Amino acid sequence: MFGGRQAPGDRPAADPFHGFSRTGYLILVTLFLADGGTCSHGRLARDLFVHPTTITLVTDQLAKNGLVKRAPDPSDRRATP
């Protein structure tokens, strides 16, 4: 690429996150690898080194797109994983 234009024969770089934000992709991978496929927002924030508000915003988007499902934690009535 030169000057903002794609040169003939140049290919766009592959998207390593498959259309997701970096945080969204990491949340999905973390949940896939987690025991039972569940994890609290607090745990995700600690494991991914991001603010808990970021986890909430991104998981809301993932849930809206049908990629994750939020459910109450039976052991903590305040928390929703």
N, C-alpha and C. Protein backbone atom coordinates (compact mmCIF):
# COMPACT_ATOMS: atom_id res chain seq x y z
N MET A 1 0.84 -1.17 0.00
CA MET A 1 0.00 0.00 0.00
C MET A 1 0.88 1.24 0.00
N PHE A 2 0.49 2.20 -0.81
CA PHE A 2 1.27 3.42 -0.88
C PHE A 2 0.32 4.59 -1.04
N GLY A 3 0.47 5.60 -0.20
CA GLY A 3 -0.36 6.78 -0.32
C GLY A 3 -1.84 6.53 -0.10
N GLY A 4 -2.17 5.52 0.69
CA GLY A 4 -3.56 5.25 1.01
C GLY A 4 -4.29 4.45 -0.06
N ARG A 5 -3.60 4.09 -1.14
CA ARG A 5 -4.23 3.29 -2.19
C ARG A 5 -3.62 1.90 -2.24
N GLN A 6 -4.43 0.96 -2.59
CA GLN A 6 -3.96 -0.41 -2.68
C GLN A 6 -3.30 -0.62 -4.03
N ALA A 7 -2.07 -1.08 -4.00
CA ALA A 7 -1.36 -1.35 -5.24
C ALA A 7 -1.91 -2.61 -5.88
N PRO A 8 -1.87 -2.67 -7.21
CA PRO A 8 -2.35 -3.90 -7.87
C PRO A 8 -1.59 -5.11 -7.34
N GLY A 9 -2.31 -6.16 -7.07
CA GLY A 9 -1.69 -7.38 -6.57
C GLY A 9 -1.54 -7.41 -5.06
N ASP A 10 -1.69 -6.26 -4.38
CA ASP A 10 -1.62 -6.25 -2.93
C ASP A 10 -2.91 -6.83 -2.37
N ARG A 11 -2.76 -7.59 -1.33
CA ARG A 11 -3.94 -8.16 -0.67
C ARG A 11 -4.12 -7.47 0.66
N PRO A 12 -5.37 -7.22 1.05
CA PRO A 12 -5.57 -6.68 2.39
C PRO A 12 -5.13 -7.69 3.44
N ALA A 13 -4.60 -7.21 4.54
CA ALA A 13 -4.14 -8.10 5.61
C ALA A 13 -5.33 -8.86 6.18
N ALA A 14 -5.09 -10.11 6.53
CA ALA A 14 -6.15 -10.92 7.15
C ALA A 14 -6.50 -10.33 8.50
N ASP A 15 -7.77 -10.40 8.85
CA ASP A 15 -8.26 -9.87 10.11
C ASP A 15 -8.03 -10.93 11.20
N PRO A 16 -7.07 -10.71 12.10
CA PRO A 16 -6.77 -11.73 13.10
C PRO A 16 -7.89 -11.93 14.12
N PHE A 17 -8.81 -10.96 14.23
CA PHE A 17 -9.88 -11.06 15.22
C PHE A 17 -11.22 -11.43 14.60
N HIS A 18 -11.23 -11.76 13.33
CA HIS A 18 -12.42 -12.24 12.64
C HIS A 18 -13.60 -11.27 12.75
N GLY A 19 -13.33 -9.99 12.65
CA GLY A 19 -14.39 -8.98 12.68
C GLY A 19 -14.78 -8.50 14.06
N PHE A 20 -14.21 -9.07 15.11
CA PHE A 20 -14.51 -8.64 16.47
C PHE A 20 -13.46 -7.64 16.92
N SER A 21 -13.81 -6.87 17.94
CA SER A 21 -12.79 -6.04 18.58
C SER A 21 -11.80 -6.98 19.27
N ARG A 22 -10.64 -6.46 19.58
CA ARG A 22 -9.63 -7.28 20.26
C ARG A 22 -10.21 -7.84 21.56
N THR A 23 -10.87 -6.99 22.33
CA THR A 23 -11.44 -7.43 23.61
C THR A 23 -12.55 -8.44 23.39
N GLY A 24 -13.40 -8.22 22.42
CA GLY A 24 -14.47 -9.18 22.12
C GLY A 24 -13.92 -10.54 21.75
N TYR A 25 -12.90 -10.53 20.91
CA TYR A 25 -12.27 -11.78 20.51
C TYR A 25 -11.66 -12.49 21.71
N LEU A 26 -10.96 -11.74 22.56
CA LEU A 26 -10.34 -12.36 23.74
C LEU A 26 -11.38 -12.88 24.73
N ILE A 27 -12.50 -12.18 24.86
CA ILE A 27 -13.57 -12.68 25.73
C ILE A 27 -14.10 -14.00 25.20
N LEU A 28 -14.37 -14.07 23.91
CA LEU A 28 -14.88 -15.32 23.33
C LEU A 28 -13.90 -16.47 23.50
N VAL A 29 -12.62 -16.22 23.27
CA VAL A 29 -11.61 -17.26 23.43
C VAL A 29 -11.52 -17.69 24.89
N THR A 30 -11.52 -16.72 25.81
CA THR A 30 -11.44 -17.03 27.23
C THR A 30 -12.63 -17.86 27.68
N LEU A 31 -13.83 -17.50 27.23
CA LEU A 31 -15.02 -18.27 27.59
C LEU A 31 -14.97 -19.68 26.99
N PHE A 32 -14.46 -19.79 25.78
CA PHE A 32 -14.34 -21.10 25.15
C PHE A 32 -13.42 -22.01 25.94
N LEU A 33 -12.35 -21.44 26.49
CA LEU A 33 -11.37 -22.23 27.23
C LEU A 33 -11.73 -22.42 28.70
N ALA A 34 -12.69 -21.64 29.22
CA ALA A 34 -13.06 -21.71 30.63
C ALA A 34 -13.84 -22.99 30.93
N ASP A 35 -13.69 -23.47 32.17
CA ASP A 35 -14.47 -24.63 32.61
C ASP A 35 -15.95 -24.30 32.54
N GLY A 36 -16.70 -25.10 31.82
CA GLY A 36 -18.14 -24.88 31.70
C GLY A 36 -18.50 -23.73 30.78
N GLY A 37 -17.51 -23.06 30.21
CA GLY A 37 -17.77 -21.96 29.30
C GLY A 37 -18.31 -20.71 29.97
N THR A 38 -18.13 -20.61 31.29
CA THR A 38 -18.63 -19.44 32.01
C THR A 38 -17.50 -18.76 32.78
N CYS A 39 -17.69 -17.47 32.99
CA CYS A 39 -16.70 -16.69 33.72
C CYS A 39 -17.36 -15.39 34.15
N SER A 40 -17.07 -14.92 35.35
CA SER A 40 -17.66 -13.66 35.81
C SER A 40 -17.00 -12.48 35.11
N HIS A 41 -17.70 -11.36 35.11
CA HIS A 41 -17.13 -10.14 34.51
C HIS A 41 -15.85 -9.74 35.23
N GLY A 42 -15.85 -9.83 36.54
CA GLY A 42 -14.66 -9.47 37.32
C GLY A 42 -13.47 -10.33 36.97
N ARG A 43 -13.71 -11.61 36.80
CA ARG A 43 -12.63 -12.53 36.44
C ARG A 43 -12.11 -12.24 35.03
N LEU A 44 -13.04 -11.98 34.10
CA LEU A 44 -12.62 -11.63 32.75
C LEU A 44 -11.77 -10.37 32.75
N ALA A 45 -12.19 -9.37 33.51
CA ALA A 45 -11.44 -8.10 33.58
C ALA A 45 -10.04 -8.33 34.11
N ARG A 46 -9.93 -9.13 35.17
CA ARG A 46 -8.60 -9.43 35.74
C ARG A 46 -7.74 -10.21 34.76
N ASP A 47 -8.31 -11.23 34.15
CA ASP A 47 -7.55 -12.10 33.25
C ASP A 47 -7.11 -11.38 31.98
N LEU A 48 -7.93 -10.44 31.50
CA LEU A 48 -7.63 -9.76 30.24
C LEU A 48 -7.00 -8.38 30.45
N PHE A 49 -6.81 -7.99 31.70
CA PHE A 49 -6.18 -6.71 32.04
C PHE A 49 -6.94 -5.52 31.44
N VAL A 50 -8.26 -5.54 31.56
CA VAL A 50 -9.07 -4.41 31.11
C VAL A 50 -10.01 -3.99 32.23
N HIS A 51 -10.56 -2.80 32.12
CA HIS A 51 -11.48 -2.28 33.13
C HIS A 51 -12.79 -3.07 33.08
N PRO A 52 -13.41 -3.33 34.24
CA PRO A 52 -14.68 -4.06 34.25
C PRO A 52 -15.78 -3.43 33.39
N THR A 53 -15.77 -2.09 33.29
CA THR A 53 -16.76 -1.43 32.44
C THR A 53 -16.58 -1.85 30.97
N THR A 54 -15.35 -2.02 30.55
CA THR A 54 -15.08 -2.47 29.18
C THR A 54 -15.66 -3.85 28.96
N ILE A 55 -15.49 -4.73 29.93
CA ILE A 55 -16.05 -6.09 29.83
C ILE A 55 -17.57 -6.02 29.69
N THR A 56 -18.20 -5.18 30.50
CA THR A 56 -19.66 -5.04 30.44
C THR A 56 -20.11 -4.55 29.07
N LEU A 57 -19.46 -3.52 28.55
CA LEU A 57 -19.85 -2.96 27.26
C LEU A 57 -19.65 -3.98 26.13
N VAL A 58 -18.54 -4.67 26.15
CA VAL A 58 -18.25 -5.63 25.08
C VAL A 58 -19.15 -6.85 25.19
N THR A 59 -19.38 -7.36 26.40
CA THR A 59 -20.27 -8.53 26.53
C THR A 59 -21.71 -8.17 26.18
N ASP A 60 -22.12 -6.94 26.44
CA ASP A 60 -23.45 -6.50 26.01
C ASP A 60 -23.58 -6.59 24.49
N GLN A 61 -22.53 -6.16 23.77
CA GLN A 61 -22.52 -6.25 22.30
C GLN A 61 -22.53 -7.70 21.84
N LEU A 62 -21.70 -8.53 22.48
CA LEU A 62 -21.66 -9.95 22.11
C LEU A 62 -23.01 -10.62 22.38
N ALA A 63 -23.66 -10.27 23.48
CA ALA A 63 -24.97 -10.83 23.79
C ALA A 63 -26.01 -10.36 22.79
N LYS A 64 -25.94 -9.09 22.42
CA LYS A 64 -26.87 -8.53 21.43
C LYS A 64 -26.75 -9.28 20.10
N ASN A 65 -25.53 -9.69 19.76
CA ASN A 65 -25.29 -10.44 18.52
C ASN A 65 -25.50 -11.94 18.69
N GLY A 66 -25.93 -12.38 19.87
CA GLY A 66 -26.24 -13.78 20.11
C GLY A 66 -25.02 -14.67 20.29
N LEU A 67 -23.87 -14.07 20.60
CA LEU A 67 -22.64 -14.85 20.73
C LEU A 67 -22.35 -15.30 22.16
N VAL A 68 -22.89 -14.61 23.13
CA VAL A 68 -22.78 -15.02 24.53
C VAL A 68 -24.14 -14.85 25.19
N LYS A 69 -24.29 -15.51 26.31
CA LYS A 69 -25.54 -15.42 27.06
C LYS A 69 -25.19 -15.07 28.50
N ARG A 70 -25.83 -14.04 29.03
CA ARG A 70 -25.59 -13.66 30.42
C ARG A 70 -26.59 -14.38 31.31
N ALA A 71 -26.10 -14.85 32.44
CA ALA A 71 -26.96 -15.57 33.37
C ALA A 71 -26.52 -15.24 34.80
N PRO A 72 -27.46 -15.24 35.74
CA PRO A 72 -27.09 -14.96 37.13
C PRO A 72 -26.21 -16.06 37.71
N ASP A 73 -25.32 -15.66 38.60
CA ASP A 73 -24.45 -16.61 39.30
C ASP A 73 -25.22 -17.12 40.51
N PRO A 74 -25.48 -18.43 40.60
CA PRO A 74 -26.28 -18.96 41.70
C PRO A 74 -25.61 -18.78 43.07
N SER A 75 -24.28 -18.64 43.09
CA SER A 75 -23.60 -18.49 44.37
C SER A 75 -23.45 -17.02 44.80
N ASP A 76 -23.78 -16.09 43.94
CA ASP A 76 -23.65 -14.66 44.26
C ASP A 76 -24.78 -13.91 43.58
N ARG A 77 -25.77 -13.54 44.36
CA ARG A 77 -26.94 -12.91 43.75
C ARG A 77 -26.65 -11.53 43.16
N ARG A 78 -25.50 -10.92 43.52
CA ARG A 78 -25.15 -9.62 42.95
C ARG A 78 -24.57 -9.76 41.55
N ALA A 79 -23.90 -10.86 41.30
CA ALA A 79 -23.11 -11.01 40.08
C ALA A 79 -23.90 -11.66 38.96
N THR A 80 -23.62 -11.21 37.74
CA THR A 80 -24.14 -11.85 36.54
C THR A 80 -22.94 -12.15 35.66
N PRO A 81 -22.63 -13.45 35.43
CA PRO A 81 -21.46 -13.79 34.62
C PRO A 81 -21.63 -13.38 33.18
